[in-house]
Amino acid sequence: MTLTLDPNIADPDGFYDELLRAHEGLSKDESDAFNARLILVLCNHIGDRDVLRAALEAAK
């Protein structure tokens, strides 16, 4: 499996709005912790270490 870097989210603007709303009312520390948990949940869902490694490189 290769890492998908092209747009792949249905209604990306709607998702971005949901993501922003999920952070409403959170302090900076709470928001950072939320992001960390979200990353770990999504990494667990992906599960493929090669894909995760590629994502780490792409994010650099």
PDB file of N, CA and C in Angstrom:
ATOM      1  N   MET A   1       0.855  -1.183   0.000  1.00  0.00           N
ATOM      2  CA  MET A   1       0.000   0.000   0.000  1.00  0.00           C
ATOM      3  C   MET A   1       0.895   1.238   0.000  1.00  0.00           C
ATOM      4  N   THR A   2       0.531   2.218  -0.789  1.00  0.00           N
ATOM      5  CA  THR A   2       1.284   3.469  -0.807  1.00  0.00           C
ATOM      6  C   THR A   2       0.477   4.563  -0.120  1.00  0.00           C
ATOM      7  N   LEU A   3       1.168   5.581   0.266  1.00  0.00           N
ATOM      8  CA  LEU A   3       0.542   6.699   0.950  1.00  0.00           C
ATOM      9  C   LEU A   3      -0.209   7.567  -0.051  1.00  0.00           C
ATOM     10  N   THR A   4      -1.451   7.874   0.236  1.00  0.00           N
ATOM     11  CA  THR A   4      -2.269   8.740  -0.606  1.00  0.00           C
ATOM     12  C   THR A   4      -2.043  10.183  -0.196  1.00  0.00           C
ATOM     13  N   LEU A   5      -1.491  10.983  -1.098  1.00  0.00           N
ATOM     14  CA  LEU A   5      -1.249  12.394  -0.805  1.00  0.00           C
ATOM     15  C   LEU A   5      -2.161  13.318  -1.597  1.00  0.00           C
ATOM     16  N   ASP A   6      -2.872  12.784  -2.576  1.00  0.00           N
ATOM     17  CA  ASP A   6      -3.840  13.583  -3.320  1.00  0.00           C
ATOM     18  C   ASP A   6      -5.110  13.738  -2.487  1.00  0.00           C
ATOM     19  N   PRO A   7      -5.877  14.826  -2.702  1.00  0.00           N
ATOM     20  CA  PRO A   7      -7.118  15.020  -1.957  1.00  0.00           C
ATOM     21  C   PRO A   7      -7.986  13.753  -2.004  1.00  0.00           C
ATOM     22  N   ASN A   8      -8.457  13.319  -0.833  1.00  0.00           N
ATOM     23  CA  ASN A   8      -9.179  12.049  -0.742  1.00  0.00           C
ATOM     24  C   ASN A   8     -10.295  12.077   0.294  1.00  0.00           C
ATOM     25  N   ILE A   9     -10.688  13.243   0.742  1.00  0.00           N
ATOM     26  CA  ILE A   9     -11.734  13.361   1.763  1.00  0.00           C
ATOM     27  C   ILE A   9     -12.972  13.958   1.104  1.00  0.00           C
ATOM     28  N   ALA A  10     -14.081  13.245   1.208  1.00  0.00           N
ATOM     29  CA  ALA A  10     -15.343  13.797   0.708  1.00  0.00           C
ATOM     30  C   ALA A  10     -15.677  15.036   1.537  1.00  0.00           C
ATOM     31  N   ASP A  11     -16.048  16.106   0.880  1.00  0.00           N
ATOM     32  CA  ASP A  11     -16.395  17.369   1.539  1.00  0.00           C
ATOM     33  C   ASP A  11     -15.283  17.822   2.489  1.00  0.00           C
ATOM     34  N   PRO A  12     -14.097  18.110   1.953  1.00  0.00           N
ATOM     35  CA  PRO A  12     -12.982  18.503   2.817  1.00  0.00           C
ATOM     36  C   PRO A  12     -13.264  19.752   3.648  1.00  0.00           C
ATOM     37  N   ASP A  13     -14.003  20.705   3.079  1.00  0.00           N
ATOM     38  CA  ASP A  13     -14.328  21.909   3.852  1.00  0.00           C
ATOM     39  C   ASP A  13     -15.225  21.575   5.036  1.00  0.00           C
ATOM     40  N   GLY A  14     -16.173  20.670   4.832  1.00  0.00           N
ATOM     41  CA  GLY A  14     -17.044  20.247   5.921  1.00  0.00           C
ATOM     42  C   GLY A  14     -16.264  19.527   7.006  1.00  0.00           C
ATOM     43  N   PHE A  15     -15.312  18.679   6.583  1.00  0.00           N
ATOM     44  CA  PHE A  15     -14.492  17.988   7.578  1.00  0.00           C
ATOM     45  C   PHE A  15     -13.633  18.973   8.351  1.00  0.00           C
ATOM     46  N   TYR A  16     -13.045  19.945   7.642  1.00  0.00           N
ATOM     47  CA  TYR A  16     -12.217  20.947   8.315  1.00  0.00           C
ATOM     48  C   TYR A  16     -13.042  21.697   9.352  1.00  0.00           C
ATOM     49  N   ASP A  17     -14.286  22.025   9.018  1.00  0.00           N
ATOM     50  CA  ASP A  17     -15.176  22.698   9.961  1.00  0.00           C
ATOM     51  C   ASP A  17     -15.421  21.814  11.190  1.00  0.00           C
ATOM     52  N   GLU A  18     -15.648  20.512  10.970  1.00  0.00           N
ATOM     53  CA  GLU A  18     -15.833  19.591  12.098  1.00  0.00           C
ATOM     54  C   GLU A  18     -14.588  19.533  12.977  1.00  0.00           C
ATOM     55  N   LEU A  19     -13.424  19.510  12.339  1.00  0.00           N
ATOM     56  CA  LEU A  19     -12.170  19.469  13.088  1.00  0.00           C
ATOM     57  C   LEU A  19     -12.002  20.726  13.940  1.00  0.00           C
ATOM     58  N   LEU A  20     -12.291  21.873  13.354  1.00  0.00           N
ATOM     59  CA  LEU A  20     -12.203  23.114  14.126  1.00  0.00           C
ATOM     60  C   LEU A  20     -13.194  23.123  15.286  1.00  0.00           C
ATOM     61  N   ARG A  21     -14.416  22.649  15.034  1.00  0.00           N
ATOM     62  CA  ARG A  21     -15.426  22.621  16.105  1.00  0.00           C
ATOM     63  C   ARG A  21     -15.021  21.673  17.228  1.00  0.00           C
ATOM     64  N   ALA A  22     -14.306  20.610  16.894  1.00  0.00           N
ATOM     65  CA  ALA A  22     -13.857  19.668  17.922  1.00  0.00           C
ATOM     66  C   ALA A  22     -12.874  20.328  18.891  1.00  0.00           C
ATOM     67  N   HIS A  23     -12.225  21.402  18.457  1.00  0.00           N
ATOM     68  CA  HIS A  23     -11.250  22.112  19.292  1.00  0.00           C
ATOM     69  C   HIS A  23     -11.870  23.276  20.067  1.00  0.00           C
ATOM     70  N   GLU A  24     -13.110  23.616  19.758  1.00  0.00           N
ATOM     71  CA  GLU A  24     -13.744  24.754  20.430  1.00  0.00           C
ATOM     72  C   GLU A  24     -13.777  24.554  21.931  1.00  0.00           C
ATOM     73  N   GLY A  25     -13.401  25.587  22.647  1.00  0.00           N
ATOM     74  CA  GLY A  25     -13.447  25.559  24.104  1.00  0.00           C
ATOM     75  C   GLY A  25     -12.259  24.865  24.755  1.00  0.00           C
ATOM     76  N   LEU A  26     -11.337  24.352  23.951  1.00  0.00           N
ATOM     77  CA  LEU A  26     -10.174  23.678  24.516  1.00  0.00           C
ATOM     78  C   LEU A  26      -9.039  24.668  24.715  1.00  0.00           C
ATOM     79  N   SER A  27      -8.285  24.471  25.767  1.00  0.00           N
ATOM     80  CA  SER A  27      -7.070  25.259  25.959  1.00  0.00           C
ATOM     81  C   SER A  27      -6.023  24.767  24.962  1.00  0.00           C
ATOM     82  N   LYS A  28      -4.912  25.468  24.853  1.00  0.00           N
ATOM     83  CA  LYS A  28      -3.826  25.047  23.958  1.00  0.00           C
ATOM     84  C   LYS A  28      -3.348  23.648  24.325  1.00  0.00           C
ATOM     85  N   ASP A  29      -3.159  23.379  25.612  1.00  0.00           N
ATOM     86  CA  ASP A  29      -2.712  22.051  26.044  1.00  0.00           C
ATOM     87  C   ASP A  29      -3.747  20.978  25.726  1.00  0.00           C
ATOM     88  N   GLU A  30      -5.022  21.276  25.954  1.00  0.00           N
ATOM     89  CA  GLU A  30      -6.086  20.321  25.643  1.00  0.00           C
ATOM     90  C   GLU A  30      -6.186  20.072  24.144  1.00  0.00           C
ATOM     91  N   SER A  31      -6.011  21.133  23.361  1.00  0.00           N
ATOM     92  CA  SER A  31      -6.050  21.005  21.915  1.00  0.00           C
ATOM     93  C   SER A  31      -4.882  20.151  21.413  1.00  0.00           C
ATOM     94  N   ASP A  32      -3.702  20.372  21.979  1.00  0.00           N
ATOM     95  CA  ASP A  32      -2.538  19.559  21.608  1.00  0.00           C
ATOM     96  C   ASP A  32      -2.757  18.099  21.974  1.00  0.00           C
ATOM     97  N   ALA A  33      -3.331  17.851  23.143  1.00  0.00           N
ATOM     98  CA  ALA A  33      -3.597  16.474  23.579  1.00  0.00           C
ATOM     99  C   ALA A  33      -4.653  15.818  22.680  1.00  0.00           C
ATOM    100  N   PHE A  34      -5.671  16.590  22.297  1.00  0.00           N
ATOM    101  CA  PHE A  34      -6.684  16.085  21.373  1.00  0.00           C
ATOM    102  C   PHE A  34      -6.042  15.678  20.055  1.00  0.00           C
ATOM    103  N   ASN A  35      -5.180  16.547  19.515  1.00  0.00           N
ATOM    104  CA  ASN A  35      -4.500  16.237  18.260  1.00  0.00           C
ATOM    105  C   ASN A  35      -3.657  14.975  18.385  1.00  0.00           C
ATOM    106  N   ALA A  36      -2.957  14.823  19.487  1.00  0.00           N
ATOM    107  CA  ALA A  36      -2.132  13.630  19.691  1.00  0.00           C
ATOM    108  C   ALA A  36      -2.998  12.374  19.732  1.00  0.00           C
ATOM    109  N   ARG A  37      -4.125  12.435  20.447  1.00  0.00           N
ATOM    110  CA  ARG A  37      -5.018  11.275  20.505  1.00  0.00           C
ATOM    111  C   ARG A  37      -5.599  10.959  19.129  1.00  0.00           C
ATOM    112  N   LEU A  38      -5.987  11.998  18.397  1.00  0.00           N
ATOM    113  CA  LEU A  38      -6.538  11.797  17.059  1.00  0.00           C
ATOM    114  C   LEU A  38      -5.505  11.142  16.142  1.00  0.00           C
ATOM    115  N   ILE A  39      -4.274  11.611  16.196  1.00  0.00           N
ATOM    116  CA  ILE A  39      -3.203  11.015  15.390  1.00  0.00           C
ATOM    117  C   ILE A  39      -3.038   9.546  15.735  1.00  0.00           C
ATOM    118  N   LEU A  40      -3.008   9.222  17.021  1.00  0.00           N
ATOM    119  CA  LEU A  40      -2.829   7.827  17.423  1.00  0.00           C
ATOM    120  C   LEU A  40      -4.007   6.951  17.007  1.00  0.00           C
ATOM    121  N   VAL A  41      -5.221   7.470  17.100  1.00  0.00           N
ATOM    122  CA  VAL A  41      -6.400   6.711  16.659  1.00  0.00           C
ATOM    123  C   VAL A  41      -6.313   6.421  15.167  1.00  0.00           C
ATOM    124  N   LEU A  42      -5.959   7.439  14.378  1.00  0.00           N
ATOM    125  CA  LEU A  42      -5.866   7.249  12.933  1.00  0.00           C
ATOM    126  C   LEU A  42      -4.700   6.334  12.560  1.00  0.00           C
ATOM    127  N   CYS A  43      -3.572   6.455  13.255  1.00  0.00           N
ATOM    128  CA  CYS A  43      -2.443   5.545  13.006  1.00  0.00           C
ATOM    129  C   CYS A  43      -2.831   4.110  13.322  1.00  0.00           C
ATOM    130  N   ASN A  44      -3.547   3.916  14.397  1.00  0.00           N
ATOM    131  CA  ASN A  44      -3.999   2.575  14.744  1.00  0.00           C
ATOM    132  C   ASN A  44      -4.927   2.027  13.663  1.00  0.00           C
ATOM    133  N   HIS A  45      -5.790   2.881  13.138  1.00  0.00           N
ATOM    134  CA  HIS A  45      -6.709   2.463  12.075  1.00  0.00           C
ATOM    135  C   HIS A  45      -5.937   2.045  10.817  1.00  0.00           C
ATOM    136  N   ILE A  46      -4.921   2.816  10.458  1.00  0.00           N
ATOM    137  CA  ILE A  46      -4.103   2.497   9.282  1.00  0.00           C
ATOM    138  C   ILE A  46      -3.326   1.210   9.528  1.00  0.00           C
ATOM    139  N   GLY A  47      -2.618   1.162  10.638  1.00  0.00           N
ATOM    140  CA  GLY A  47      -1.952  -0.051  11.074  1.00  0.00           C
ATOM    141  C   GLY A  47      -0.709  -0.470  10.304  1.00  0.00           C
ATOM    142  N   ASP A  48      -0.544  -0.062   9.077  1.00  0.00           N
ATOM    143  CA  ASP A  48       0.568  -0.486   8.239  1.00  0.00           C
ATOM    144  C   ASP A  48       1.790   0.394   8.526  1.00  0.00           C
ATOM    145  N   ARG A  49       2.842  -0.217   9.108  1.00  0.00           N
ATOM    146  CA  ARG A  49       4.014   0.559   9.510  1.00  0.00           C
ATOM    147  C   ARG A  49       4.695   1.236   8.335  1.00  0.00           C
ATOM    148  N   ASP A  50       4.697   0.624   7.161  1.00  0.00           N
ATOM    149  CA  ASP A  50       5.318   1.260   6.000  1.00  0.00           C
ATOM    150  C   ASP A  50       4.562   2.525   5.605  1.00  0.00           C
ATOM    151  N   VAL A  51       3.251   2.461   5.642  1.00  0.00           N
ATOM    152  CA  VAL A  51       2.437   3.634   5.329  1.00  0.00           C
ATOM    153  C   VAL A  51       2.642   4.709   6.396  1.00  0.00           C
ATOM    154  N   LEU A  52       2.671   4.311   7.653  1.00  0.00           N
ATOM    155  CA  LEU A  52       2.890   5.276   8.731  1.00  0.00           C
ATOM    156  C   LEU A  52       4.266   5.924   8.623  1.00  0.00           C
ATOM    157  N   ARG A  53       5.267   5.137   8.279  1.00  0.00           N
ATOM    158  CA  ARG A  53       6.619   5.664   8.097  1.00  0.00           C
ATOM    159  C   ARG A  53       6.632   6.668   6.942  1.00  0.00           C
ATOM    160  N   ALA A  54       5.954   6.342   5.856  1.00  0.00           N
ATOM    161  CA  ALA A  54       5.866   7.256   4.717  1.00  0.00           C
ATOM    162  C   ALA A  54       5.150   8.553   5.110  1.00  0.00           C
ATOM    163  N   ALA A  55       4.134   8.441   5.951  1.00  0.00           N
ATOM    164  CA  ALA A  55       3.411   9.622   6.419  1.00  0.00           C
ATOM    165  C   ALA A  55       4.314  10.509   7.271  1.00  0.00           C
ATOM    166  N   LEU A  56       5.129   9.901   8.103  1.00  0.00           N
ATOM    167  CA  LEU A  56       6.074  10.666   8.906  1.00  0.00           C
ATOM    168  C   LEU A  56       7.039  11.443   8.015  1.00  0.00           C
ATOM    169  N   GLU A  57       7.530  10.792   6.993  1.00  0.00           N
ATOM    170  CA  GLU A  57       8.447  11.450   6.066  1.00  0.00           C
ATOM    171  C   GLU A  57       7.741  12.575   5.294  1.00  0.00           C
ATOM    172  N   ALA A  58       6.513  12.320   4.857  1.00  0.00           N
ATOM    173  CA  ALA A  58       5.765  13.330   4.098  1.00  0.00           C
ATOM    174  C   ALA A  58       5.469  14.550   4.960  1.00  0.00           C
ATOM    175  N   ALA A  59       5.246  14.346   6.242  1.00  0.00           N
ATOM    176  CA  ALA A  59       4.915  15.442   7.140  1.00  0.00           C
ATOM    177  C   ALA A  59       6.120  16.327   7.454  1.00  0.00           C
ATOM    178  N   LYS A  60       7.322  15.777   7.250  1.00  0.00           N
ATOM    179  CA  LYS A  60       8.529  16.580   7.512  1.00  0.00           C
ATOM    180  C   LYS A  60       8.598  17.712   6.522  1.00  0.00           C
TER     181      LYS A  60
END
